Amino acid sequence: MLNRLQKFAVAATLAATAVTIAATAATGTTGVAEPHKSVSTAPEFTGISTWLNSDPLTIQKLRGKVVLVDFWTYTCINCINTLPYVKSWNQKYKDQGLVVVGVHTPEYPFERDTDNVKTAIKRFGITYPVAQDNQYATWRAYDNQYWPAFYLIDKKGQVVYTHFGEGDYAQTEAAIQTLLAQKS
């Protein structure tokens, strides 16, 4: 039998869930976008077993560029749904200083196979660098918990914006444009 405090906690959780569902239905988005609450230095790419479409990259060497780190995996439908936007941003802004880095972090054991990742990259037409994070080292360095997840890093190497899940593409693109317009 639930005591009063437990009943209140259950009711509050259900109410919060209902508000979230209503907001999702109203906006048509399934993700959460927000300025990064505490600006922090972006963690380095660590524990990367393989780099695809690129030589190994470091956050340090990317200073002076705007970097979009996209945590994804090739069988995640939400990740697949974000790819047209990520690919478009890469094409539109790469000559203006944007570097997109896909961090492929597998959800299932078969997604650890580099040949499977290469096949997916080719199938999806991904041309930007992809870091294969099979041991979740970079995932943990970013304290990430979601697929897909965007971390936008300014020219000084600070994480200044995050987005988890699908949606809010115009907001994410506006953040990219704002960062590209800033002086180093």
Protein backbone atom coordinates (compact mmCIF):
# COMPACT_ATOMS: atom_id res chain seq x y z
CA MET A 1 0.00 0.00 0.00
CA LEU A 2 1.35 3.42 -0.94
CA ASN A 3 1.77 6.07 1.73
CA ARG A 4 0.85 9.71 1.05
CA LEU A 5 4.37 10.73 0.00
CA GLN A 6 4.63 7.81 -2.44
CA LYS A 7 1.21 8.65 -3.91
CA PHE A 8 2.29 12.28 -4.35
CA ALA A 9 5.52 11.21 -6.07
CA VAL A 10 3.65 8.90 -8.45
CA ALA A 11 1.08 11.64 -9.23
CA ALA A 12 3.83 14.23 -9.84
CA THR A 13 5.70 11.84 -12.16
CA LEU A 14 2.54 11.11 -14.15
CA ALA A 15 1.71 14.81 -14.42
CA ALA A 16 5.22 15.65 -15.64
CA THR A 17 5.03 12.84 -18.19
CA ALA A 18 1.66 14.13 -19.44
CA VAL A 19 3.08 17.65 -19.84
CA THR A 20 6.07 16.28 -21.78
CA ILE A 21 3.82 14.23 -24.05
CA ALA A 22 1.53 17.22 -24.65
CA ALA A 23 4.48 19.48 -25.44
CA THR A 24 5.88 16.89 -27.83
CA ALA A 25 2.52 16.57 -29.57
CA ALA A 26 2.13 20.35 -29.79
CA THR A 27 5.59 21.04 -31.18
CA GLY A 28 6.03 17.90 -33.24
CA THR A 29 9.49 17.34 -31.78
CA THR A 30 10.85 14.39 -29.90
CA GLY A 31 14.07 15.88 -28.63
CA VAL A 32 15.37 18.35 -26.14
CA ALA A 33 17.48 21.31 -27.21
CA GLU A 34 19.01 23.84 -24.92
CA PRO A 35 22.01 26.04 -24.49
CA HIS A 36 24.54 24.05 -22.54
CA LYS A 37 23.84 25.11 -18.94
CA SER A 38 27.44 25.30 -17.85
CA VAL A 39 29.92 26.12 -20.56
CA SER A 40 32.68 23.57 -20.33
CA THR A 41 35.72 22.61 -22.29
CA ALA A 42 34.82 19.92 -24.80
CA PRO A 43 36.30 16.53 -23.94
CA GLU A 44 38.81 15.03 -26.37
CA PHE A 45 37.90 12.13 -28.62
CA THR A 46 39.22 9.20 -26.64
CA GLY A 47 39.36 5.44 -27.07
CA ILE A 48 38.51 5.68 -30.76
CA SER A 49 39.31 2.35 -32.40
CA THR A 50 38.93 3.54 -36.01
CA TRP A 51 38.48 6.83 -37.86
CA LEU A 52 36.49 6.67 -41.09
CA ASN A 53 36.46 9.37 -43.80
CA SER A 54 39.32 11.13 -41.97
CA ASP A 55 42.65 10.87 -40.28
CA PRO A 56 42.35 10.98 -36.47
CA LEU A 57 41.06 14.31 -35.16
CA THR A 58 41.39 16.02 -31.80
CA ILE A 59 39.34 18.77 -30.24
CA GLN A 60 42.59 20.64 -29.61
CA LYS A 61 43.50 20.61 -33.32
CA LEU A 62 39.97 21.76 -34.19
CA ARG A 63 40.26 24.97 -32.13
CA GLY A 64 39.21 27.94 -34.26
CA LYS A 65 36.50 25.82 -35.92
CA VAL A 66 32.91 25.24 -34.88
CA VAL A 67 32.47 21.52 -34.22
CA LEU A 68 29.25 19.53 -34.22
CA VAL A 69 29.74 16.20 -32.45
CA ASP A 70 26.91 13.82 -33.37
CA PHE A 71 26.59 10.64 -31.29
CA TRP A 72 24.78 8.09 -33.43
CA THR A 73 24.52 4.45 -34.37
CA TYR A 74 23.48 3.12 -37.74
CA THR A 75 20.41 1.09 -36.70
CA CYS A 76 18.82 3.80 -34.54
CA ILE A 77 15.78 5.14 -36.41
CA ASN A 78 16.01 8.48 -34.62
CA CYS A 79 19.65 8.77 -35.70
CA ILE A 80 18.73 7.88 -39.27
CA ASN A 81 16.01 10.55 -39.22
CA THR A 82 18.54 13.24 -38.19
CA LEU A 83 21.12 12.34 -40.86
CA PRO A 84 19.64 14.47 -43.68
CA TYR A 85 19.97 17.55 -41.45
CA VAL A 86 23.48 16.71 -40.28
CA LYS A 87 24.61 16.02 -43.84
CA SER A 88 23.01 19.27 -45.03
CA TRP A 89 24.74 21.31 -42.29
CA ASN A 90 28.04 19.69 -43.20
CA GLN A 91 27.63 20.59 -46.88
CA LYS A 92 26.31 24.09 -46.22
CA TYR A 93 28.82 25.20 -43.60
CA LYS A 94 32.01 23.16 -43.98
CA ASP A 95 33.61 25.92 -46.07
CA GLN A 96 32.67 28.48 -43.39
CA GLY A 97 34.43 26.63 -40.56
CA LEU A 98 32.02 23.92 -39.40
CA VAL A 99 33.46 20.46 -38.77
CA VAL A 100 30.93 17.68 -38.25
CA VAL A 101 32.22 14.60 -36.44
CA GLY A 102 29.97 11.58 -36.18
CA VAL A 103 30.80 9.49 -33.13
CA HIS A 104 29.43 6.04 -33.92
CA THR A 105 28.74 4.37 -30.58
CA PRO A 106 27.16 0.93 -31.00
CA GLU A 107 23.99 -0.08 -29.26
CA TYR A 108 24.24 -3.74 -30.35
CA PRO A 109 27.27 -6.04 -30.69
CA PHE A 110 27.03 -6.32 -34.51
CA GLU A 111 27.35 -2.52 -34.74
CA ARG A 112 30.93 -2.80 -33.47
CA ASP A 113 32.05 -4.35 -36.77
CA THR A 114 33.93 -1.72 -38.78
CA ASP A 115 32.82 -3.22 -42.10
CA ASN A 116 29.17 -2.83 -41.03
CA VAL A 117 29.82 0.81 -40.09
CA LYS A 118 31.58 1.42 -43.43
CA THR A 119 28.62 -0.09 -45.28
CA ALA A 120 26.20 2.15 -43.37
CA ILE A 121 28.31 5.25 -44.03
CA LYS A 122 28.26 4.47 -47.74
CA ARG A 123 24.51 3.67 -47.73
CA PHE A 124 23.67 6.94 -45.95
CA GLY A 125 26.12 9.01 -48.04
CA ILE A 126 28.06 10.30 -45.03
CA THR A 127 31.19 12.16 -46.10
CA TYR A 128 32.22 13.82 -42.82
CA PRO A 129 34.59 12.15 -40.31
CA VAL A 130 33.22 9.28 -38.25
CA ALA A 131 34.94 8.08 -35.07
CA GLN A 132 34.17 4.51 -34.09
CA ASP A 133 33.67 4.55 -30.30
CA ASN A 134 33.19 0.84 -29.64
CA GLN A 135 34.28 1.03 -25.99
CA TYR A 136 32.09 4.08 -25.20
CA ALA A 137 35.16 6.06 -24.09
CA THR A 138 34.18 9.29 -25.88
CA TRP A 139 30.53 8.68 -24.97
CA ARG A 140 31.54 8.57 -21.29
CA ALA A 141 33.89 11.57 -21.65
CA TYR A 142 30.88 13.62 -22.80
CA ASP A 143 28.69 12.03 -20.13
CA ASN A 144 26.30 11.23 -22.96
CA GLN A 145 23.19 9.11 -22.49
CA TYR A 146 21.32 9.39 -25.79
CA TRP A 147 21.21 8.49 -29.47
CA PRO A 148 21.20 10.82 -31.31
CA ALA A 149 22.91 13.57 -29.35
CA PHE A 150 24.43 16.79 -30.69
CA TYR A 151 27.16 18.71 -28.88
CA LEU A 152 28.02 22.04 -30.49
CA ILE A 153 31.51 23.32 -29.68
CA ASP A 154 32.55 26.93 -30.23
CA LYS A 155 35.84 28.13 -31.73
CA LYS A 156 37.43 28.25 -28.26
CA GLY A 157 36.70 24.56 -27.66
CA GLN A 158 33.73 25.05 -25.32
CA VAL A 159 30.52 22.99 -25.43
CA VAL A 160 27.88 25.71 -25.74
CA TYR A 161 24.79 23.88 -27.02
CA THR A 162 23.33 20.40 -26.77
CA HIS A 163 20.38 18.64 -28.34
CA PHE A 164 19.12 15.14 -27.60
CA GLY A 165 16.80 13.25 -29.93
CA GLU A 166 15.06 14.45 -33.08
CA GLY A 167 13.62 17.86 -33.86
CA ASP A 168 14.49 21.51 -33.27
CA TYR A 169 16.54 21.50 -36.48
CA ALA A 170 16.04 25.22 -37.13
CA GLN A 171 17.19 26.01 -33.59
CA THR A 172 20.30 23.84 -33.99
CA GLU A 173 21.09 25.40 -37.36
CA ALA A 174 20.64 28.89 -35.90
CA ALA A 175 23.12 27.99 -33.16
CA ILE A 176 25.61 26.80 -35.81
CA GLN A 177 25.18 30.07 -37.75
CA THR A 178 25.62 32.18 -34.62
CA LEU A 179 28.83 30.38 -33.66
CA LEU A 180 30.24 30.61 -37.19
CA ALA A 181 29.60 34.38 -37.17
CA GLN A 182 31.54 34.90 -33.94
CA LYS A 183 35.14 36.07 -34.02
CA SER A 184 37.69 33.58 -32.75
